[in-house]
Amino acid sequence: MNAQQKQTVEKLLQDAGLPCSVHELAWTQPQEIPFSEGVRGMCAANRCGMYGKSWACPPGVGDWQLLRDECYAHSLALIFTTKHVLEDDFDIEGMQQAAQDHKQFNRTLSDLLEANGISCLIYGAGGCTLCAACTYPDAPCRYPSRAHRSMEACGIDVGALARQCGLKYNNGPLTVTYFSMLLFA
């Protein structure tokens, strides 16, 4: 990826037409992204309720070590966050809306990048919600190019990645922060 393409990506991330805005971003080398079997193990514990229900979550997303190797085969990664304000500490609806806004941000960004001739893989926060009911495991994914994998489902230690990249994992009380990653060839 050349400097002009990086500038285009950063400009698209600031597009006013996106459903929320980028809070922080950092460029990094994919080989520096921390993967952990323990993170992936949290998925198997089904804390979010998506285990075995989606092609973008385990076990449908694939082996975490193969996903790590696929990540490491790329030449550049961009990590970014969106920060959302909550009404109170128990604003579950606000957290859910923020998650949906972040996912819509990723989908819109994907379309913008494609329209500008920039190819990348997008990893998001949480399970895929593109379809009302996922075809997993009975049929292939309906939209494999639009379904974004969860960073944690791939075994990425997002907390360690945030520290490594100088990004805030927690932006203080009454906020929720979601992470995404773009991988470029």
N, C-alpha and C. Protein backbone atom coordinates (compact mmCIF):
# COMPACT_ATOMS: atom_id res chain seq x y z
N MET A 1 0.85 -1.17 0.00
CA MET A 1 0.00 0.00 0.00
C MET A 1 0.89 1.23 0.00
N ASN A 2 0.62 2.14 -0.91
CA ASN A 2 1.45 3.34 -1.00
C ASN A 2 0.86 4.46 -0.13
N ALA A 3 1.59 5.57 -0.02
CA ALA A 3 1.19 6.69 0.85
C ALA A 3 -0.14 7.29 0.41
N GLN A 4 -0.37 7.37 -0.89
CA GLN A 4 -1.62 7.94 -1.38
C GLN A 4 -2.81 7.06 -0.97
N GLN A 5 -2.66 5.74 -1.07
CA GLN A 5 -3.73 4.84 -0.66
C GLN A 5 -4.00 4.94 0.84
N LYS A 6 -2.94 5.07 1.64
CA LYS A 6 -3.11 5.24 3.08
C LYS A 6 -3.89 6.52 3.36
N GLN A 7 -3.58 7.59 2.66
CA GLN A 7 -4.30 8.85 2.84
C GLN A 7 -5.77 8.69 2.45
N THR A 8 -6.01 7.96 1.36
CA THR A 8 -7.39 7.72 0.94
C THR A 8 -8.15 6.96 2.01
N VAL A 9 -7.54 5.93 2.57
CA VAL A 9 -8.18 5.15 3.63
C VAL A 9 -8.50 6.05 4.82
N GLU A 10 -7.54 6.85 5.25
CA GLU A 10 -7.77 7.72 6.40
C GLU A 10 -8.86 8.75 6.11
N LYS A 11 -8.90 9.26 4.89
CA LYS A 11 -9.96 10.21 4.50
C LYS A 11 -11.32 9.53 4.53
N LEU A 12 -11.41 8.31 4.01
CA LEU A 12 -12.68 7.59 4.02
C LEU A 12 -13.15 7.30 5.44
N LEU A 13 -12.21 7.05 6.35
CA LEU A 13 -12.56 6.80 7.74
C LEU A 13 -13.20 8.02 8.41
N GLN A 14 -12.94 9.19 7.86
CA GLN A 14 -13.49 10.43 8.42
C GLN A 14 -14.74 10.89 7.68
N ASP A 15 -15.25 10.08 6.75
CA ASP A 15 -16.41 10.43 5.94
C ASP A 15 -17.61 10.76 6.82
N ALA A 16 -18.22 11.90 6.57
CA ALA A 16 -19.36 12.35 7.38
C ALA A 16 -20.59 11.47 7.17
N GLY A 17 -20.64 10.69 6.11
CA GLY A 17 -21.80 9.86 5.83
C GLY A 17 -21.81 8.54 6.59
N LEU A 18 -20.78 8.27 7.37
CA LEU A 18 -20.71 7.03 8.13
C LEU A 18 -21.57 7.15 9.39
N PRO A 19 -22.10 6.02 9.89
CA PRO A 19 -23.04 6.06 11.02
C PRO A 19 -22.43 6.47 12.36
N CYS A 20 -21.12 6.50 12.47
CA CYS A 20 -20.44 6.98 13.67
C CYS A 20 -19.06 7.43 13.21
N SER A 21 -18.25 7.91 14.12
CA SER A 21 -16.95 8.41 13.70
C SER A 21 -15.82 7.64 14.36
N VAL A 22 -14.67 7.67 13.70
CA VAL A 22 -13.47 7.04 14.24
C VAL A 22 -13.00 7.85 15.43
N HIS A 23 -12.72 7.16 16.51
CA HIS A 23 -12.19 7.84 17.69
C HIS A 23 -10.66 7.88 17.65
N GLU A 24 -10.04 6.70 17.43
CA GLU A 24 -8.59 6.61 17.33
C GLU A 24 -8.23 5.61 16.25
N LEU A 25 -7.01 5.76 15.70
CA LEU A 25 -6.53 4.77 14.74
C LEU A 25 -5.03 4.64 14.83
N ALA A 26 -4.54 3.49 14.41
CA ALA A 26 -3.10 3.23 14.41
C ALA A 26 -2.77 2.23 13.30
N TRP A 27 -1.71 2.50 12.58
CA TRP A 27 -1.19 1.57 11.57
C TRP A 27 -0.19 0.66 12.27
N THR A 28 -0.16 -0.61 11.88
CA THR A 28 0.79 -1.55 12.47
C THR A 28 1.10 -2.65 11.46
N GLN A 29 2.12 -3.41 11.77
CA GLN A 29 2.47 -4.56 10.96
C GLN A 29 1.64 -5.76 11.43
N PRO A 30 1.02 -6.48 10.53
CA PRO A 30 0.20 -7.63 10.93
C PRO A 30 0.94 -8.64 11.80
N GLN A 31 2.23 -8.81 11.57
CA GLN A 31 3.01 -9.78 12.32
C GLN A 31 3.15 -9.39 13.79
N GLU A 32 2.79 -8.17 14.14
CA GLU A 32 2.87 -7.70 15.52
C GLU A 32 1.54 -7.85 16.25
N ILE A 33 0.50 -8.29 15.57
CA ILE A 33 -0.82 -8.44 16.18
C ILE A 33 -0.80 -9.65 17.10
N PRO A 34 -1.15 -9.44 18.38
CA PRO A 34 -1.09 -10.55 19.34
C PRO A 34 -2.31 -11.47 19.25
N PHE A 35 -2.03 -12.73 19.00
CA PHE A 35 -3.06 -13.77 18.98
C PHE A 35 -2.90 -14.62 20.23
N SER A 36 -4.00 -15.20 20.67
CA SER A 36 -3.96 -15.99 21.88
C SER A 36 -5.01 -17.10 21.83
N GLU A 37 -4.58 -18.30 22.15
CA GLU A 37 -5.52 -19.41 22.24
C GLU A 37 -6.52 -19.14 23.36
N GLY A 38 -6.08 -18.44 24.41
CA GLY A 38 -6.97 -18.11 25.53
C GLY A 38 -8.12 -17.22 25.12
N VAL A 39 -7.86 -16.26 24.26
CA VAL A 39 -8.94 -15.38 23.77
C VAL A 39 -9.95 -16.22 23.01
N ARG A 40 -9.44 -17.07 22.16
CA ARG A 40 -10.33 -17.94 21.40
C ARG A 40 -11.10 -18.87 22.33
N GLY A 41 -10.47 -19.26 23.43
CA GLY A 41 -11.13 -20.12 24.41
C GLY A 41 -12.35 -19.45 25.03
N MET A 42 -12.31 -18.13 25.17
CA MET A 42 -13.47 -17.41 25.69
C MET A 42 -14.66 -17.58 24.76
N CYS A 43 -14.38 -17.68 23.46
CA CYS A 43 -15.47 -17.92 22.51
C CYS A 43 -16.09 -19.29 22.76
N ALA A 44 -15.26 -20.29 22.99
CA ALA A 44 -15.76 -21.63 23.23
C ALA A 44 -16.61 -21.69 24.50
N ALA A 45 -16.33 -20.79 25.45
CA ALA A 45 -17.13 -20.71 26.68
C ALA A 45 -18.50 -20.07 26.40
N ASN A 46 -18.67 -19.53 25.20
CA ASN A 46 -19.94 -18.97 24.71
C ASN A 46 -20.47 -17.82 25.57
N ARG A 47 -19.58 -16.95 26.00
CA ARG A 47 -19.98 -15.81 26.83
C ARG A 47 -20.91 -14.85 26.09
N CYS A 48 -20.77 -14.75 24.79
CA CYS A 48 -21.62 -13.82 24.02
C CYS A 48 -22.83 -14.52 23.41
N GLY A 49 -22.87 -15.84 23.47
CA GLY A 49 -24.00 -16.57 22.93
C GLY A 49 -23.95 -16.84 21.44
N MET A 50 -22.83 -16.56 20.78
CA MET A 50 -22.73 -16.74 19.33
C MET A 50 -21.95 -17.98 18.92
N TYR A 51 -21.39 -18.72 19.88
CA TYR A 51 -20.60 -19.89 19.54
C TYR A 51 -21.47 -20.91 18.81
N GLY A 52 -20.97 -21.34 17.64
CA GLY A 52 -21.67 -22.35 16.86
C GLY A 52 -22.91 -21.84 16.14
N LYS A 53 -23.04 -20.52 16.01
CA LYS A 53 -24.23 -19.95 15.39
C LYS A 53 -23.96 -19.10 14.16
N SER A 54 -22.68 -18.94 13.80
CA SER A 54 -22.35 -18.02 12.72
C SER A 54 -21.05 -18.44 12.03
N TRP A 55 -20.97 -18.15 10.75
CA TRP A 55 -19.74 -18.39 10.00
C TRP A 55 -18.62 -17.45 10.44
N ALA A 56 -18.96 -16.33 11.08
CA ALA A 56 -17.96 -15.35 11.49
C ALA A 56 -17.46 -15.58 12.91
N CYS A 57 -18.00 -16.60 13.59
CA CYS A 57 -17.61 -16.93 14.96
C CYS A 57 -17.19 -18.41 15.01
N PRO A 58 -16.46 -18.79 16.05
CA PRO A 58 -16.08 -20.19 16.16
C PRO A 58 -17.28 -21.11 16.34
N PRO A 59 -17.17 -22.31 15.92
CA PRO A 59 -16.05 -22.89 15.19
C PRO A 59 -16.10 -22.59 13.69
N GLY A 60 -17.19 -21.99 13.20
CA GLY A 60 -17.36 -21.75 11.77
C GLY A 60 -16.30 -20.86 11.14
N VAL A 61 -15.73 -19.93 11.90
CA VAL A 61 -14.75 -19.00 11.35
C VAL A 61 -13.43 -19.69 11.01
N GLY A 62 -13.17 -20.85 11.62
CA GLY A 62 -11.95 -21.59 11.31
C GLY A 62 -10.99 -21.63 12.49
N ASP A 63 -9.91 -22.37 12.29
CA ASP A 63 -8.88 -22.56 13.30
C ASP A 63 -8.13 -21.25 13.56
N TRP A 64 -7.97 -20.87 14.82
CA TRP A 64 -7.36 -19.58 15.14
C TRP A 64 -5.92 -19.49 14.65
N GLN A 65 -5.19 -20.60 14.62
CA GLN A 65 -3.80 -20.56 14.17
C GLN A 65 -3.72 -20.32 12.66
N LEU A 66 -4.65 -20.90 11.91
CA LEU A 66 -4.69 -20.64 10.47
C LEU A 66 -5.11 -19.20 10.20
N LEU A 67 -6.02 -18.68 11.00
CA LEU A 67 -6.44 -17.28 10.86
C LEU A 67 -5.29 -16.34 11.20
N ARG A 68 -4.50 -16.70 12.22
CA ARG A 68 -3.31 -15.91 12.57
C ARG A 68 -2.34 -15.89 11.39
N ASP A 69 -2.09 -17.07 10.80
CA ASP A 69 -1.16 -17.14 9.67
C ASP A 69 -1.67 -16.34 8.48
N GLU A 70 -2.99 -16.37 8.25
CA GLU A 70 -3.57 -15.56 7.17
C GLU A 70 -3.36 -14.07 7.45
N CYS A 71 -3.55 -13.66 8.68
CA CYS A 71 -3.33 -12.27 9.06
C CYS A 71 -1.87 -11.88 8.82
N TYR A 72 -0.96 -12.72 9.29
CA TYR A 72 0.47 -12.43 9.18
C TYR A 72 0.96 -12.39 7.74
N ALA A 73 0.20 -12.96 6.82
CA ALA A 73 0.59 -12.94 5.41
C ALA A 73 0.31 -11.59 4.74
N HIS A 74 -0.41 -10.71 5.43
CA HIS A 74 -0.70 -9.38 4.88
C HIS A 74 0.46 -8.42 5.15
N SER A 75 0.46 -7.31 4.44
CA SER A 75 1.59 -6.39 4.55
C SER A 75 1.36 -5.22 5.51
N LEU A 76 0.10 -4.89 5.79
CA LEU A 76 -0.18 -3.73 6.62
C LEU A 76 -1.55 -3.89 7.29
N ALA A 77 -1.65 -3.36 8.50
CA ALA A 77 -2.92 -3.41 9.23
C ALA A 77 -3.23 -2.03 9.78
N LEU A 78 -4.51 -1.72 9.79
CA LEU A 78 -5.00 -0.49 10.41
C LEU A 78 -6.01 -0.89 11.49
N ILE A 79 -5.76 -0.43 12.70
CA ILE A 79 -6.66 -0.68 13.82
C ILE A 79 -7.37 0.64 14.09
N PHE A 80 -8.69 0.59 14.27
CA PHE A 80 -9.41 1.82 14.62
C PHE A 80 -10.52 1.52 15.62
N THR A 81 -10.92 2.58 16.32
CA THR A 81 -11.98 2.45 17.32
C THR A 81 -13.09 3.45 17.05
N THR A 82 -14.27 3.10 17.54
CA THR A 82 -15.36 4.06 17.64
C THR A 82 -15.74 4.10 19.12
N LYS A 83 -16.03 5.30 19.60
CA LYS A 83 -16.40 5.50 21.01
C LYS A 83 -17.83 5.99 21.04
N HIS A 84 -18.61 5.42 21.95
CA HIS A 84 -20.03 5.75 22.04
C HIS A 84 -20.38 6.10 23.48
N VAL A 85 -21.17 7.15 23.65
CA VAL A 85 -21.59 7.61 24.97
C VAL A 85 -22.86 6.87 25.39
N LEU A 86 -22.89 6.44 26.65
CA LEU A 86 -24.04 5.73 27.21
C LEU A 86 -24.78 6.63 28.20
N GLU A 87 -26.06 6.35 28.41
CA GLU A 87 -26.87 7.13 29.35
C GLU A 87 -26.49 6.85 30.80
N ASP A 88 -26.21 5.57 31.10
CA ASP A 88 -25.80 5.19 32.45
C ASP A 88 -25.05 3.86 32.36
N ASP A 89 -24.60 3.36 33.50
CA ASP A 89 -23.81 2.13 33.52
C ASP A 89 -24.58 0.90 33.07
N PHE A 90 -25.90 0.97 33.06
CA PHE A 90 -26.74 -0.17 32.72
C PHE A 90 -27.47 0.03 31.39
N ASP A 91 -26.93 0.89 30.54
CA ASP A 91 -27.57 1.21 29.26
C ASP A 91 -27.28 0.11 28.23
N ILE A 92 -27.91 -1.04 28.43
CA ILE A 92 -27.71 -2.19 27.54
C ILE A 92 -28.17 -1.84 26.12
N GLU A 93 -29.30 -1.17 26.00
CA GLU A 93 -29.80 -0.78 24.67
C GLU A 93 -28.81 0.15 23.98
N GLY A 94 -28.20 1.05 24.73
CA GLY A 94 -27.19 1.95 24.16
C GLY A 94 -25.97 1.19 23.68
N MET A 95 -25.56 0.18 24.44
CA MET A 95 -24.42 -0.64 24.04
C MET A 95 -24.74 -1.43 22.78
N GLN A 96 -25.96 -1.99 22.73
CA GLN A 96 -26.37 -2.75 21.55
C GLN A 96 -26.47 -1.86 20.32
N GLN A 97 -27.01 -0.66 20.49
CA GLN A 97 -27.11 0.27 19.37
C GLN A 97 -25.71 0.69 18.90
N ALA A 98 -24.82 0.92 19.85
CA ALA A 98 -23.45 1.29 19.51
C ALA A 98 -22.78 0.16 18.72
N ALA A 99 -23.01 -1.08 19.13
CA ALA A 99 -22.43 -2.22 18.41
C ALA A 99 -22.98 -2.28 16.99
N GLN A 100 -24.27 -2.06 16.84
CA GLN A 100 -24.87 -2.07 15.49
C GLN A 100 -24.33 -0.91 14.65
N ASP A 101 -24.17 0.27 15.25
CA ASP A 101 -23.61 1.42 14.52
C ASP A 101 -22.18 1.12 14.06
N HIS A 102 -21.41 0.48 14.95
CA HIS A 102 -20.03 0.12 14.59
C HIS A 102 -20.01 -0.87 13.43
N LYS A 103 -20.89 -1.86 13.48
CA LYS A 103 -20.97 -2.85 12.40
C LYS A 103 -21.42 -2.20 11.09
N GLN A 104 -22.37 -1.28 11.17
CA GLN A 104 -22.82 -0.58 9.96
C GLN A 104 -21.69 0.30 9.42
N PHE A 105 -20.92 0.90 10.33
CA PHE A 105 -19.75 1.68 9.93
C PHE A 105 -18.82 0.80 9.08
N ASN A 106 -18.55 -0.42 9.58
CA ASN A 106 -17.66 -1.33 8.85
C ASN A 106 -18.22 -1.68 7.48
N ARG A 107 -19.52 -1.94 7.39
CA ARG A 107 -20.13 -2.29 6.10
C ARG A 107 -20.06 -1.12 5.12
N THR A 108 -20.37 0.07 5.61
CA THR A 108 -20.31 1.25 4.76
C THR A 108 -18.88 1.53 4.33
N LEU A 109 -17.95 1.41 5.27
CA LEU A 109 -16.53 1.60 4.95
C LEU A 109 -16.08 0.60 3.90
N SER A 110 -16.51 -0.64 4.03
CA SER A 110 -16.16 -1.67 3.05
C SER A 110 -16.60 -1.26 1.65
N ASP A 111 -17.81 -0.74 1.53
CA ASP A 111 -18.33 -0.28 0.24
C ASP A 111 -17.51 0.90 -0.29
N LEU A 112 -17.17 1.84 0.60
CA LEU A 112 -16.38 3.01 0.19
C LEU A 112 -14.98 2.60 -0.29
N LEU A 113 -14.36 1.69 0.44
CA LEU A 113 -13.03 1.22 0.05
C LEU A 113 -13.09 0.52 -1.31
N GLU A 114 -14.08 -0.34 -1.49
CA GLU A 114 -14.23 -1.05 -2.77
C GLU A 114 -14.45 -0.07 -3.91
N ALA A 115 -15.27 0.95 -3.69
CA ALA A 115 -15.54 1.96 -4.72
C ALA A 115 -14.28 2.75 -5.08
N ASN A 116 -13.31 2.79 -4.16
CA ASN A 116 -12.06 3.50 -4.40
C ASN A 116 -10.94 2.56 -4.82
N GLY A 117 -11.29 1.31 -5.13
CA GLY A 117 -10.31 0.35 -5.62
C GLY A 117 -9.34 -0.15 -4.57
N ILE A 118 -9.72 -0.08 -3.31
CA ILE A 118 -8.85 -0.53 -2.23
C ILE A 118 -9.42 -1.82 -1.65
N SER A 119 -8.62 -2.87 -1.73
CA SER A 119 -9.03 -4.19 -1.27
C SER A 119 -8.45 -4.46 0.11
N CYS A 120 -9.28 -4.97 1.02
CA CYS A 120 -8.80 -5.33 2.35
C CYS A 120 -9.77 -6.31 2.99
N LEU A 121 -9.30 -6.94 4.04
CA LEU A 121 -10.16 -7.75 4.90
C LEU A 121 -10.54 -6.89 6.10
N ILE A 122 -11.80 -6.94 6.49
CA ILE A 122 -12.25 -6.17 7.65
C ILE A 122 -12.64 -7.15 8.75
N TYR A 123 -12.07 -6.91 9.92
CA TYR A 123 -12.42 -7.66 11.12
C TYR A 123 -13.13 -6.68 12.04
N GLY A 124 -14.18 -7.13 12.70
CA GLY A 124 -14.96 -6.22 13.54
C GLY A 124 -15.06 -6.68 14.98
N ALA A 125 -16.04 -6.11 15.64
CA ALA A 125 -16.31 -6.41 17.05
C ALA A 125 -17.57 -7.26 17.14
N GLY A 126 -17.48 -8.37 17.82
CA GLY A 126 -18.65 -9.22 18.01
C GLY A 126 -19.01 -10.01 16.78
N GLY A 127 -20.04 -10.81 16.92
CA GLY A 127 -20.47 -11.69 15.84
C GLY A 127 -21.13 -10.94 14.70
N CYS A 128 -21.20 -11.60 13.57
CA CYS A 128 -21.83 -11.03 12.38
C CYS A 128 -23.35 -10.96 12.58
N THR A 129 -23.95 -9.87 12.19
CA THR A 129 -25.40 -9.70 12.27
C THR A 129 -25.97 -9.30 10.92
N LEU A 130 -25.25 -9.59 9.87
CA LEU A 130 -25.67 -9.20 8.53
C LEU A 130 -27.02 -9.83 8.15
N CYS A 131 -27.19 -11.10 8.48
CA CYS A 131 -28.44 -11.81 8.15
C CYS A 131 -29.26 -12.01 9.42
N ALA A 132 -30.57 -12.02 9.27
CA ALA A 132 -31.44 -12.28 10.41
C ALA A 132 -31.18 -13.67 11.00
N ALA A 133 -30.91 -14.64 10.13
CA ALA A 133 -30.56 -15.99 10.56
C ALA A 133 -29.40 -16.48 9.70
N CYS A 134 -28.31 -16.83 10.35
CA CYS A 134 -27.13 -17.32 9.63
C CYS A 134 -27.39 -18.73 9.09
N THR A 135 -26.78 -19.04 7.98
CA THR A 135 -26.91 -20.36 7.37
C THR A 135 -26.04 -21.41 8.06
N TYR A 136 -25.18 -21.00 8.99
CA TYR A 136 -24.28 -21.91 9.67
C TYR A 136 -25.06 -22.96 10.44
N PRO A 137 -24.70 -24.20 10.41
CA PRO A 137 -23.67 -24.87 9.63
C PRO A 137 -24.23 -25.58 8.39
N ASP A 138 -25.48 -25.34 8.08
CA ASP A 138 -26.18 -26.12 7.06
C ASP A 138 -25.89 -25.73 5.62
N ALA A 139 -25.49 -24.49 5.38
CA ALA A 139 -25.23 -24.01 4.03
C ALA A 139 -24.13 -22.95 4.08
N PRO A 140 -23.48 -22.70 2.95
CA PRO A 140 -22.42 -21.67 2.93
C PRO A 140 -22.97 -20.29 3.28
N CYS A 141 -22.09 -19.44 3.71
CA CYS A 141 -22.44 -18.05 4.02
C CYS A 141 -23.04 -17.39 2.77
N ARG A 142 -24.13 -16.66 2.95
CA ARG A 142 -24.78 -15.98 1.82
C ARG A 142 -23.94 -14.84 1.28
N TYR A 143 -23.20 -14.17 2.15
CA TYR A 143 -22.45 -12.97 1.77
C TYR A 143 -21.01 -13.03 2.31
N PRO A 144 -20.21 -13.96 1.82
CA PRO A 144 -18.87 -14.12 2.41
C PRO A 144 -17.98 -12.88 2.31
N SER A 145 -18.17 -12.04 1.31
CA SER A 145 -17.34 -10.85 1.20
C SER A 145 -17.84 -9.71 2.10
N ARG A 146 -19.05 -9.83 2.62
CA ARG A 146 -19.62 -8.78 3.47
C ARG A 146 -19.66 -9.17 4.94
N ALA A 147 -19.49 -10.44 5.22
CA ALA A 147 -19.51 -10.91 6.61
C ALA A 147 -18.13 -10.67 7.22
N HIS A 148 -18.07 -9.81 8.22
CA HIS A 148 -16.79 -9.48 8.85
C HIS A 148 -16.57 -10.35 10.08
N ARG A 149 -15.40 -10.94 10.13
CA ARG A 149 -15.03 -11.78 11.27
C ARG A 149 -14.87 -10.94 12.52
N SER A 150 -15.16 -11.55 13.64
CA SER A 150 -14.90 -10.93 14.93
C SER A 150 -13.40 -11.05 15.22
N MET A 151 -12.79 -9.96 15.69
CA MET A 151 -11.37 -10.00 16.02
C MET A 151 -11.10 -11.06 17.08
N GLU A 152 -11.93 -11.09 18.12
CA GLU A 152 -11.74 -12.05 19.20
C GLU A 152 -11.95 -13.48 18.71
N ALA A 153 -12.92 -13.68 17.82
CA ALA A 153 -13.19 -15.02 17.29
C ALA A 153 -11.97 -15.58 16.55
N CYS A 154 -11.15 -14.70 16.03
CA CYS A 154 -9.93 -15.12 15.34
C CYS A 154 -8.77 -15.33 16.31
N GLY A 155 -8.99 -15.01 17.58
CA GLY A 155 -7.96 -15.19 18.59
C GLY A 155 -7.14 -13.94 18.86
N ILE A 156 -7.55 -12.79 18.36
CA ILE A 156 -6.80 -11.55 18.58
C ILE A 156 -7.06 -11.04 19.99
N ASP A 157 -5.98 -10.78 20.71
CA ASP A 157 -6.06 -10.20 22.05
C ASP A 157 -6.19 -8.69 21.88
N VAL A 158 -7.42 -8.21 21.85
CA VAL A 158 -7.68 -6.81 21.53
C VAL A 158 -7.11 -5.88 22.60
N GLY A 159 -7.17 -6.28 23.87
CA GLY A 159 -6.59 -5.46 24.93
C GLY A 159 -5.10 -5.25 24.74
N ALA A 160 -4.39 -6.34 24.47
CA ALA A 160 -2.94 -6.24 24.24
C ALA A 160 -2.65 -5.44 22.97
N LEU A 161 -3.46 -5.64 21.94
CA LEU A 161 -3.28 -4.89 20.69
C LEU A 161 -3.47 -3.39 20.93
N ALA A 162 -4.47 -3.03 21.73
CA ALA A 162 -4.71 -1.62 22.04
C ALA A 162 -3.49 -1.01 22.73
N ARG A 163 -2.97 -1.69 23.74
CA ARG A 163 -1.78 -1.19 24.45
C ARG A 163 -0.60 -1.05 23.51
N GLN A 164 -0.40 -2.06 22.69
CA GLN A 164 0.72 -2.08 21.75
C GLN A 164 0.64 -0.92 20.76
N CYS A 165 -0.58 -0.58 20.34
CA CYS A 165 -0.77 0.48 19.33
C CYS A 165 -0.99 1.86 19.95
N GLY A 166 -1.02 1.94 21.28
CA GLY A 166 -1.25 3.22 21.94
C GLY A 166 -2.70 3.70 21.85
N LEU A 167 -3.64 2.76 21.74
CA LEU A 167 -5.06 3.10 21.68
C LEU A 167 -5.70 2.81 23.03
N LYS A 168 -6.71 3.58 23.37
CA LYS A 168 -7.41 3.35 24.63
C LYS A 168 -8.41 2.21 24.47
N TYR A 169 -8.29 1.21 25.33
CA TYR A 169 -9.23 0.10 25.33
C TYR A 169 -10.52 0.52 26.03
N ASN A 170 -10.37 1.33 27.06
CA ASN A 170 -11.50 1.85 27.82
C ASN A 170 -11.40 3.37 27.80
N ASN A 171 -12.44 4.03 27.34
CA ASN A 171 -12.43 5.49 27.23
C ASN A 171 -13.18 6.18 28.36
N GLY A 172 -13.30 5.50 29.49
CA GLY A 172 -13.86 6.13 30.67
C GLY A 172 -15.30 5.75 30.94
N PRO A 173 -15.82 6.28 32.05
CA PRO A 173 -17.19 5.95 32.44
C PRO A 173 -18.21 6.42 31.40
N LEU A 174 -19.29 5.71 31.35
CA LEU A 174 -20.42 6.02 30.47
C LEU A 174 -20.04 6.04 28.99
N THR A 175 -19.07 5.18 28.64
CA THR A 175 -18.72 5.01 27.23
C THR A 175 -18.52 3.53 26.94
N VAL A 176 -18.65 3.18 25.68
CA VAL A 176 -18.28 1.86 25.21
C VAL A 176 -17.45 2.08 23.94
N THR A 177 -16.38 1.31 23.80
CA THR A 177 -15.46 1.44 22.67
C THR A 177 -15.43 0.13 21.91
N TYR A 178 -15.55 0.24 20.59
CA TYR A 178 -15.48 -0.94 19.72
C TYR A 178 -14.28 -0.82 18.80
N PHE A 179 -13.64 -1.96 18.54
CA PHE A 179 -12.44 -2.03 17.71
C PHE A 179 -12.73 -2.72 16.39
N SER A 180 -12.00 -2.30 15.35
CA SER A 180 -11.99 -2.99 14.07
C SER A 180 -10.57 -3.00 13.53
N MET A 181 -10.34 -3.88 12.57
CA MET A 181 -9.03 -3.99 11.95
C MET A 181 -9.21 -4.18 10.44
N LEU A 182 -8.40 -3.47 9.68
CA LEU A 182 -8.34 -3.63 8.24
C LEU A 182 -6.99 -4.24 7.90
N LEU A 183 -7.00 -5.31 7.10
CA LEU A 183 -5.76 -5.95 6.64
C LEU A 183 -5.60 -5.72 5.15
N PHE A 184 -4.44 -5.22 4.77
CA PHE A 184 -4.15 -4.92 3.37
C PHE A 184 -3.08 -5.87 2.84
N ALA A 185 -3.23 -6.26 1.57
CA ALA A 185 -2.27 -7.18 0.93
C ALA A 185 -0.90 -6.55 0.81
